[in-house]
Amino acid sequence: MEEKKKPIANIKHLISWYHANFCVKHEEATEQHYSELQRMALSWNTPSMTHEEFCTRIRQELHCNPNKRHIEPCKTCKALGVPQWKW
């Protein structure tokens, strides 16, 4: 059986994708954190790579201790029976 090739994405797209999907869910998601992520990824001098390669490399090099944000439940939504999404 033939393996599917992983899609390759531009490094700038991967930086934004990683930040939006992983970093912003944490309290340390600041402009400095984004700048550090961007500086580190651009220092690799690689114009593109797969999402999996990017995640592996960035997690090895970006040493952050993510604390998930605490979101207060919405009292109105709870009263109306609307589900509360957890991060």
PDB file of N, CA and C in Angstrom:
ATOM      1  N   MET A   1       0.841  -1.176   0.000  1.00  0.00           N
ATOM      2  CA  MET A   1       0.000   0.000   0.000  1.00  0.00           C
ATOM      3  C   MET A   1       0.890   1.244   0.000  1.00  0.00           C
ATOM      4  N   GLU A   2       0.524   2.195  -0.797  1.00  0.00           N
ATOM      5  CA  GLU A   2       1.322   3.403  -0.956  1.00  0.00           C
ATOM      6  C   GLU A   2       0.973   4.440   0.111  1.00  0.00           C
ATOM      7  N   GLU A   3       2.008   5.028   0.711  1.00  0.00           N
ATOM      8  CA  GLU A   3       1.789   6.054   1.745  1.00  0.00           C
ATOM      9  C   GLU A   3       1.421   7.381   1.102  1.00  0.00           C
ATOM     10  N   LYS A   4       0.505   8.105   1.744  1.00  0.00           N
ATOM     11  CA  LYS A   4       0.152   9.435   1.261  1.00  0.00           C
ATOM     12  C   LYS A   4       1.258  10.405   1.628  1.00  0.00           C
ATOM     13  N   LYS A   5       1.547  11.332   0.715  1.00  0.00           N
ATOM     14  CA  LYS A   5       2.533  12.364   1.013  1.00  0.00           C
ATOM     15  C   LYS A   5       1.888  13.422   1.884  1.00  0.00           C
ATOM     16  N   LYS A   6       2.598  13.834   2.915  1.00  0.00           N
ATOM     17  CA  LYS A   6       2.107  14.889   3.801  1.00  0.00           C
ATOM     18  C   LYS A   6       2.178  16.218   3.060  1.00  0.00           C
ATOM     19  N   PRO A   7       1.138  17.066   3.201  1.00  0.00           N
ATOM     20  CA  PRO A   7       1.171  18.369   2.524  1.00  0.00           C
ATOM     21  C   PRO A   7       2.234  19.274   3.143  1.00  0.00           C
ATOM     22  N   ILE A   8       2.917  19.990   2.294  1.00  0.00           N
ATOM     23  CA  ILE A   8       3.959  20.916   2.738  1.00  0.00           C
ATOM     24  C   ILE A   8       3.376  22.323   2.733  1.00  0.00           C
ATOM     25  N   ALA A   9       3.664  23.073   3.819  1.00  0.00           N
ATOM     26  CA  ALA A   9       3.122  24.426   3.959  1.00  0.00           C
ATOM     27  C   ALA A   9       4.253  25.428   4.143  1.00  0.00           C
ATOM     28  N   ASN A  10       3.970  26.670   3.807  1.00  0.00           N
ATOM     29  CA  ASN A  10       4.907  27.769   3.984  1.00  0.00           C
ATOM     30  C   ASN A  10       5.175  27.963   5.478  1.00  0.00           C
ATOM     31  N   ILE A  11       6.399  28.282   5.837  1.00  0.00           N
ATOM     32  CA  ILE A  11       6.792  28.411   7.246  1.00  0.00           C
ATOM     33  C   ILE A  11       6.004  29.520   7.954  1.00  0.00           C
ATOM     34  N   LYS A  12       5.713  30.612   7.258  1.00  0.00           N
ATOM     35  CA  LYS A  12       4.945  31.704   7.877  1.00  0.00           C
ATOM     36  C   LYS A  12       3.512  31.265   8.175  1.00  0.00           C
ATOM     37  N   HIS A  13       2.959  30.445   7.310  1.00  0.00           N
ATOM     38  CA  HIS A  13       1.625  29.885   7.557  1.00  0.00           C
ATOM     39  C   HIS A  13       1.672  28.971   8.786  1.00  0.00           C
ATOM     40  N   LEU A  14       2.713  28.164   8.888  1.00  0.00           N
ATOM     41  CA  LEU A  14       2.844  27.238  10.016  1.00  0.00           C
ATOM     42  C   LEU A  14       2.998  27.968  11.345  1.00  0.00           C
ATOM     43  N   ILE A  15       3.706  29.084  11.336  1.00  0.00           N
ATOM     44  CA  ILE A  15       3.871  29.890  12.555  1.00  0.00           C
ATOM     45  C   ILE A  15       2.510  30.380  13.035  1.00  0.00           C
ATOM     46  N   SER A  16       1.744  30.965  12.127  1.00  0.00           N
ATOM     47  CA  SER A  16       0.414  31.478  12.484  1.00  0.00           C
ATOM     48  C   SER A  16      -0.516  30.353  12.903  1.00  0.00           C
ATOM     49  N   TRP A  17      -0.458  29.235  12.184  1.00  0.00           N
ATOM     50  CA  TRP A  17      -1.301  28.078  12.498  1.00  0.00           C
ATOM     51  C   TRP A  17      -0.997  27.545  13.893  1.00  0.00           C
ATOM     52  N   TYR A  18       0.285  27.387  14.210  1.00  0.00           N
ATOM     53  CA  TYR A  18       0.680  26.847  15.513  1.00  0.00           C
ATOM     54  C   TYR A  18       0.251  27.792  16.636  1.00  0.00           C
ATOM     55  N   HIS A  19       0.493  29.073  16.441  1.00  0.00           N
ATOM     56  CA  HIS A  19       0.139  30.057  17.458  1.00  0.00           C
ATOM     57  C   HIS A  19      -1.371  30.062  17.706  1.00  0.00           C
ATOM     58  N   ALA A  20      -2.157  30.035  16.639  1.00  0.00           N
ATOM     59  CA  ALA A  20      -3.615  30.087  16.778  1.00  0.00           C
ATOM     60  C   ALA A  20      -4.198  28.814  17.373  1.00  0.00           C
ATOM     61  N   ASN A  21      -3.589  27.674  17.108  1.00  0.00           N
ATOM     62  CA  ASN A  21      -4.150  26.409  17.567  1.00  0.00           C
ATOM     63  C   ASN A  21      -3.589  25.900  18.889  1.00  0.00           C
ATOM     64  N   PHE A  22      -2.429  26.370  19.284  1.00  0.00           N
ATOM     65  CA  PHE A  22      -1.822  25.868  20.502  1.00  0.00           C
ATOM     66  C   PHE A  22      -1.518  26.971  21.520  1.00  0.00           C
ATOM     67  N   CYS A  23      -0.887  28.024  21.085  1.00  0.00           N
ATOM     68  CA  CYS A  23      -0.400  29.044  22.013  1.00  0.00           C
ATOM     69  C   CYS A  23      -1.513  29.895  22.624  1.00  0.00           C
ATOM     70  N   VAL A  24      -2.481  30.316  21.835  1.00  0.00           N
ATOM     71  CA  VAL A  24      -3.484  31.247  22.357  1.00  0.00           C
ATOM     72  C   VAL A  24      -4.374  30.640  23.428  1.00  0.00           C
ATOM     73  N   LYS A  25      -4.346  29.344  23.576  1.00  0.00           N
ATOM     74  CA  LYS A  25      -5.143  28.680  24.602  1.00  0.00           C
ATOM     75  C   LYS A  25      -4.467  28.742  25.969  1.00  0.00           C
ATOM     76  N   HIS A  26      -3.301  29.362  26.037  1.00  0.00           N
ATOM     77  CA  HIS A  26      -2.533  29.401  27.274  1.00  0.00           C
ATOM     78  C   HIS A  26      -2.333  30.831  27.747  1.00  0.00           C
ATOM     79  N   GLU A  27      -2.130  30.977  29.043  1.00  0.00           N
ATOM     80  CA  GLU A  27      -1.973  32.301  29.651  1.00  0.00           C
ATOM     81  C   GLU A  27      -0.740  33.040  29.138  1.00  0.00           C
ATOM     82  N   GLU A  28       0.300  32.309  28.749  1.00  0.00           N
ATOM     83  CA  GLU A  28       1.537  32.945  28.301  1.00  0.00           C
ATOM     84  C   GLU A  28       1.479  33.423  26.850  1.00  0.00           C
ATOM     85  N   ALA A  29       0.326  33.384  26.230  1.00  0.00           N
ATOM     86  CA  ALA A  29       0.181  33.773  24.836  1.00  0.00           C
ATOM     87  C   ALA A  29       0.262  35.300  24.719  1.00  0.00           C
ATOM     88  N   THR A  30       1.468  35.812  24.701  1.00  0.00           N
ATOM     89  CA  THR A  30       1.690  37.243  24.592  1.00  0.00           C
ATOM     90  C   THR A  30       2.344  37.555  23.251  1.00  0.00           C
ATOM     91  N   GLU A  31       2.491  38.822  22.985  1.00  0.00           N
ATOM     92  CA  GLU A  31       3.162  39.240  21.760  1.00  0.00           C
ATOM     93  C   GLU A  31       4.623  38.794  21.771  1.00  0.00           C
ATOM     94  N   GLN A  32       5.247  38.814  22.948  1.00  0.00           N
ATOM     95  CA  GLN A  32       6.636  38.354  23.072  1.00  0.00           C
ATOM     96  C   GLN A  32       6.741  36.869  22.747  1.00  0.00           C
ATOM     97  N   HIS A  33       5.779  36.084  23.211  1.00  0.00           N
ATOM     98  CA  HIS A  33       5.781  34.649  22.929  1.00  0.00           C
ATOM     99  C   HIS A  33       5.681  34.410  21.423  1.00  0.00           C
ATOM    100  N   TYR A  34       4.796  35.143  20.755  1.00  0.00           N
ATOM    101  CA  TYR A  34       4.644  35.012  19.309  1.00  0.00           C
ATOM    102  C   TYR A  34       5.940  35.414  18.602  1.00  0.00           C
ATOM    103  N   SER A  35       6.565  36.495  19.062  1.00  0.00           N
ATOM    104  CA  SER A  35       7.821  36.946  18.458  1.00  0.00           C
ATOM    105  C   SER A  35       8.916  35.896  18.609  1.00  0.00           C
ATOM    106  N   GLU A  36       8.971  35.258  19.771  1.00  0.00           N
ATOM    107  CA  GLU A  36       9.963  34.210  20.013  1.00  0.00           C
ATOM    108  C   GLU A  36       9.700  33.005  19.110  1.00  0.00           C
ATOM    109  N   LEU A  37       8.455  32.624  18.974  1.00  0.00           N
ATOM    110  CA  LEU A  37       8.071  31.528  18.091  1.00  0.00           C
ATOM    111  C   LEU A  37       8.478  31.832  16.651  1.00  0.00           C
ATOM    112  N   GLN A  38       8.178  33.037  16.222  1.00  0.00           N
ATOM    113  CA  GLN A  38       8.501  33.462  14.858  1.00  0.00           C
ATOM    114  C   GLN A  38      10.018  33.521  14.640  1.00  0.00           C
ATOM    115  N   ARG A  39      10.746  34.107  15.579  1.00  0.00           N
ATOM    116  CA  ARG A  39      12.199  34.214  15.462  1.00  0.00           C
ATOM    117  C   ARG A  39      12.830  32.834  15.348  1.00  0.00           C
ATOM    118  N   MET A  40      12.373  31.920  16.192  1.00  0.00           N
ATOM    119  CA  MET A  40      12.928  30.578  16.215  1.00  0.00           C
ATOM    120  C   MET A  40      12.654  29.836  14.908  1.00  0.00           C
ATOM    121  N   ALA A  41      11.416  29.878  14.447  1.00  0.00           N
ATOM    122  CA  ALA A  41      11.050  29.156  13.221  1.00  0.00           C
ATOM    123  C   ALA A  41      11.751  29.733  11.985  1.00  0.00           C
ATOM    124  N   LEU A  42      11.867  31.050  11.921  1.00  0.00           N
ATOM    125  CA  LEU A  42      12.528  31.658  10.764  1.00  0.00           C
ATOM    126  C   LEU A  42      14.038  31.429  10.779  1.00  0.00           C
ATOM    127  N   SER A  43      14.617  31.167  11.948  1.00  0.00           N
ATOM    128  CA  SER A  43      16.060  30.919  12.047  1.00  0.00           C
ATOM    129  C   SER A  43      16.451  29.573  11.432  1.00  0.00           C
ATOM    130  N   TRP A  44      15.488  28.712  11.184  1.00  0.00           N
ATOM    131  CA  TRP A  44      15.786  27.415  10.573  1.00  0.00           C
ATOM    132  C   TRP A  44      16.135  27.542   9.090  1.00  0.00           C
ATOM    133  N   ASN A  45      15.845  28.691   8.492  1.00  0.00           N
ATOM    134  CA  ASN A  45      16.107  28.939   7.071  1.00  0.00           C
ATOM    135  C   ASN A  45      15.491  27.871   6.174  1.00  0.00           C
ATOM    136  N   THR A  46      14.292  27.464   6.515  1.00  0.00           N
ATOM    137  CA  THR A  46      13.550  26.490   5.732  1.00  0.00           C
ATOM    138  C   THR A  46      12.272  27.172   5.253  1.00  0.00           C
ATOM    139  N   PRO A  47      12.080  27.293   3.960  1.00  0.00           N
ATOM    140  CA  PRO A  47      10.890  28.012   3.480  1.00  0.00           C
ATOM    141  C   PRO A  47       9.577  27.265   3.691  1.00  0.00           C
ATOM    142  N   SER A  48       9.632  25.928   3.804  1.00  0.00           N
ATOM    143  CA  SER A  48       8.409  25.163   3.984  1.00  0.00           C
ATOM    144  C   SER A  48       8.707  23.804   4.607  1.00  0.00           C
ATOM    145  N   MET A  49       7.692  23.230   5.241  1.00  0.00           N
ATOM    146  CA  MET A  49       7.788  21.898   5.835  1.00  0.00           C
ATOM    147  C   MET A  49       6.385  21.407   6.147  1.00  0.00           C
ATOM    148  N   THR A  50       6.275  20.178   6.602  1.00  0.00           N
ATOM    149  CA  THR A  50       4.965  19.643   6.946  1.00  0.00           C
ATOM    150  C   THR A  50       4.587  20.122   8.343  1.00  0.00           C
ATOM    151  N   HIS A  51       3.292  20.037   8.660  1.00  0.00           N
ATOM    152  CA  HIS A  51       2.807  20.430   9.982  1.00  0.00           C
ATOM    153  C   HIS A  51       3.448  19.560  11.062  1.00  0.00           C
ATOM    154  N   GLU A  52       3.581  18.277  10.795  1.00  0.00           N
ATOM    155  CA  GLU A  52       4.157  17.355  11.770  1.00  0.00           C
ATOM    156  C   GLU A  52       5.615  17.695  12.065  1.00  0.00           C
ATOM    157  N   GLU A  53       6.390  17.967  11.026  1.00  0.00           N
ATOM    158  CA  GLU A  53       7.799  18.348  11.214  1.00  0.00           C
ATOM    159  C   GLU A  53       7.897  19.638  12.030  1.00  0.00           C
ATOM    160  N   PHE A  54       7.042  20.602  11.692  1.00  0.00           N
ATOM    161  CA  PHE A  54       7.061  21.885  12.390  1.00  0.00           C
ATOM    162  C   PHE A  54       6.756  21.693  13.869  1.00  0.00           C
ATOM    163  N   CYS A  55       5.701  20.955  14.186  1.00  0.00           N
ATOM    164  CA  CYS A  55       5.315  20.719  15.586  1.00  0.00           C
ATOM    165  C   CYS A  55       6.435  20.027  16.355  1.00  0.00           C
ATOM    166  N   THR A  56       7.041  19.039  15.761  1.00  0.00           N
ATOM    167  CA  THR A  56       8.121  18.309  16.425  1.00  0.00           C
ATOM    168  C   THR A  56       9.288  19.231  16.746  1.00  0.00           C
ATOM    169  N   ARG A  57       9.714  20.013  15.755  1.00  0.00           N
ATOM    170  CA  ARG A  57      10.861  20.904  15.966  1.00  0.00           C
ATOM    171  C   ARG A  57      10.560  22.013  16.955  1.00  0.00           C
ATOM    172  N   ILE A  58       9.390  22.625  16.848  1.00  0.00           N
ATOM    173  CA  ILE A  58       9.070  23.768  17.703  1.00  0.00           C
ATOM    174  C   ILE A  58       8.912  23.321  19.147  1.00  0.00           C
ATOM    175  N   ARG A  59       8.352  22.147  19.374  1.00  0.00           N
ATOM    176  CA  ARG A  59       8.188  21.648  20.741  1.00  0.00           C
ATOM    177  C   ARG A  59       9.524  21.289  21.375  1.00  0.00           C
ATOM    178  N   GLN A  60      10.495  20.904  20.563  1.00  0.00           N
ATOM    179  CA  GLN A  60      11.821  20.607  21.080  1.00  0.00           C
ATOM    180  C   GLN A  60      12.573  21.877  21.460  1.00  0.00           C
ATOM    181  N   GLU A  61      12.357  22.937  20.697  1.00  0.00           N
ATOM    182  CA  GLU A  61      13.138  24.155  20.888  1.00  0.00           C
ATOM    183  C   GLU A  61      12.446  25.229  21.717  1.00  0.00           C
ATOM    184  N   LEU A  62      11.141  25.328  21.619  1.00  0.00           N
ATOM    185  CA  LEU A  62      10.404  26.365  22.333  1.00  0.00           C
ATOM    186  C   LEU A  62      10.064  25.842  23.723  1.00  0.00           C
ATOM    187  N   HIS A  63      10.789  26.316  24.699  1.00  0.00           N
ATOM    188  CA  HIS A  63      10.607  25.835  26.063  1.00  0.00           C
ATOM    189  C   HIS A  63       9.648  26.752  26.799  1.00  0.00           C
ATOM    190  N   CYS A  64       8.375  26.387  26.796  1.00  0.00           N
ATOM    191  CA  CYS A  64       7.390  27.152  27.536  1.00  0.00           C
ATOM    192  C   CYS A  64       6.588  26.182  28.395  1.00  0.00           C
ATOM    193  N   ASN A  65       6.091  26.685  29.487  1.00  0.00           N
ATOM    194  CA  ASN A  65       5.302  25.877  30.391  1.00  0.00           C
ATOM    195  C   ASN A  65       3.861  26.354  30.289  1.00  0.00           C
ATOM    196  N   PRO A  66       3.090  25.754  29.401  1.00  0.00           N
ATOM    197  CA  PRO A  66       1.737  26.272  29.161  1.00  0.00           C
ATOM    198  C   PRO A  66       0.772  25.997  30.303  1.00  0.00           C
ATOM    199  N   ASN A  67       0.133  27.044  30.777  1.00  0.00           N
ATOM    200  CA  ASN A  67      -0.948  26.935  31.753  1.00  0.00           C
ATOM    201  C   ASN A  67      -2.222  27.306  31.022  1.00  0.00           C
ATOM    202  N   LYS A  68      -3.151  26.378  30.978  1.00  0.00           N
ATOM    203  CA  LYS A  68      -4.411  26.643  30.273  1.00  0.00           C
ATOM    204  C   LYS A  68      -5.152  27.803  30.923  1.00  0.00           C
ATOM    205  N   ARG A  69      -5.818  28.590  30.108  1.00  0.00           N
ATOM    206  CA  ARG A  69      -6.609  29.706  30.611  1.00  0.00           C
ATOM    207  C   ARG A  69      -7.825  29.171  31.356  1.00  0.00           C
ATOM    208  N   HIS A  70      -8.167  29.840  32.426  1.00  0.00           N
ATOM    209  CA  HIS A  70      -9.368  29.473  33.161  1.00  0.00           C
ATOM    210  C   HIS A  70     -10.500  30.362  32.659  1.00  0.00           C
ATOM    211  N   ILE A  71     -11.520  29.744  32.148  1.00  0.00           N
ATOM    212  CA  ILE A  71     -12.656  30.487  31.607  1.00  0.00           C
ATOM    213  C   ILE A  71     -13.853  30.253  32.512  1.00  0.00           C
ATOM    214  N   GLU A  72     -14.407  31.351  32.998  1.00  0.00           N
ATOM    215  CA  GLU A  72     -15.581  31.263  33.873  1.00  0.00           C
ATOM    216  C   GLU A  72     -16.792  30.813  33.067  1.00  0.00           C
ATOM    217  N   PRO A  73     -17.573  29.868  33.586  1.00  0.00           N
ATOM    218  CA  PRO A  73     -18.772  29.436  32.860  1.00  0.00           C
ATOM    219  C   PRO A  73     -19.800  30.570  32.777  1.00  0.00           C
ATOM    220  N   CYS A  74     -20.500  30.615  31.689  1.00  0.00           N
ATOM    221  CA  CYS A  74     -21.526  31.634  31.467  1.00  0.00           C
ATOM    222  C   CYS A  74     -22.794  31.227  32.217  1.00  0.00           C
ATOM    223  N   LYS A  75     -23.205  32.049  33.164  1.00  0.00           N
ATOM    224  CA  LYS A  75     -24.378  31.728  33.974  1.00  0.00           C
ATOM    225  C   LYS A  75     -25.659  31.706  33.143  1.00  0.00           C
ATOM    226  N   THR A  76     -25.774  32.616  32.179  1.00  0.00           N
ATOM    227  CA  THR A  76     -26.956  32.674  31.323  1.00  0.00           C
ATOM    228  C   THR A  76     -27.046  31.422  30.460  1.00  0.00           C
ATOM    229  N   CYS A  77     -25.903  31.038  29.864  1.00  0.00           N
ATOM    230  CA  CYS A  77     -25.887  29.833  29.022  1.00  0.00           C
ATOM    231  C   CYS A  77     -26.228  28.596  29.837  1.00  0.00           C
ATOM    232  N   LYS A  78     -25.679  28.526  31.047  1.00  0.00           N
ATOM    233  CA  LYS A  78     -25.940  27.382  31.910  1.00  0.00           C
ATOM    234  C   LYS A  78     -27.432  27.306  32.260  1.00  0.00           C
ATOM    235  N   ALA A  79     -28.028  28.451  32.546  1.00  0.00           N
ATOM    236  CA  ALA A  79     -29.449  28.491  32.886  1.00  0.00           C
ATOM    237  C   ALA A  79     -30.321  28.063  31.709  1.00  0.00           C
ATOM    238  N   LEU A  80     -29.870  28.378  30.489  1.00  0.00           N
ATOM    239  CA  LEU A  80     -30.634  28.022  29.288  1.00  0.00           C
ATOM    240  C   LEU A  80     -30.304  26.618  28.777  1.00  0.00           C
ATOM    241  N   GLY A  81     -29.322  25.968  29.406  1.00  0.00           N
ATOM    242  CA  GLY A  81     -28.961  24.614  29.002  1.00  0.00           C
ATOM    243  C   GLY A  81     -28.015  24.545  27.823  1.00  0.00           C
ATOM    244  N   VAL A  82     -27.346  25.656  27.498  1.00  0.00           N
ATOM    245  CA  VAL A  82     -26.376  25.669  26.416  1.00  0.00           C
ATOM    246  C   VAL A  82     -25.096  25.018  26.911  1.00  0.00           C
ATOM    247  N   PRO A  83     -24.509  24.067  26.155  1.00  0.00           N
ATOM    248  CA  PRO A  83     -23.290  23.392  26.627  1.00  0.00           C
ATOM    249  C   PRO A  83     -22.130  24.369  26.788  1.00  0.00           C
ATOM    250  N   GLN A  84     -21.326  24.139  27.810  1.00  0.00           N
ATOM    251  CA  GLN A  84     -20.140  24.966  28.067  1.00  0.00           C
ATOM    252  C   GLN A  84     -18.931  24.246  27.502  1.00  0.00           C
ATOM    253  N   TRP A  85     -18.280  24.849  26.526  1.00  0.00           N
ATOM    254  CA  TRP A  85     -17.127  24.227  25.876  1.00  0.00           C
ATOM    255  C   TRP A  85     -15.906  24.406  26.732  1.00  0.00           C
ATOM    256  N   LYS A  86     -15.192  23.335  26.942  1.00  0.00           N
ATOM    257  CA  LYS A  86     -13.953  23.354  27.719  1.00  0.00           C
ATOM    258  C   LYS A  86     -12.781  23.338  26.752  1.00  0.00           C
ATOM    259  N   TRP A  87     -11.720  24.050  27.068  1.00  0.00           N
ATOM    260  CA  TRP A  87     -10.515  24.079  26.248  1.00  0.00           C
ATOM    261  C   TRP A  87      -9.722  22.879  26.566  1.00  0.00           C
TER     262      TRP A  87
END
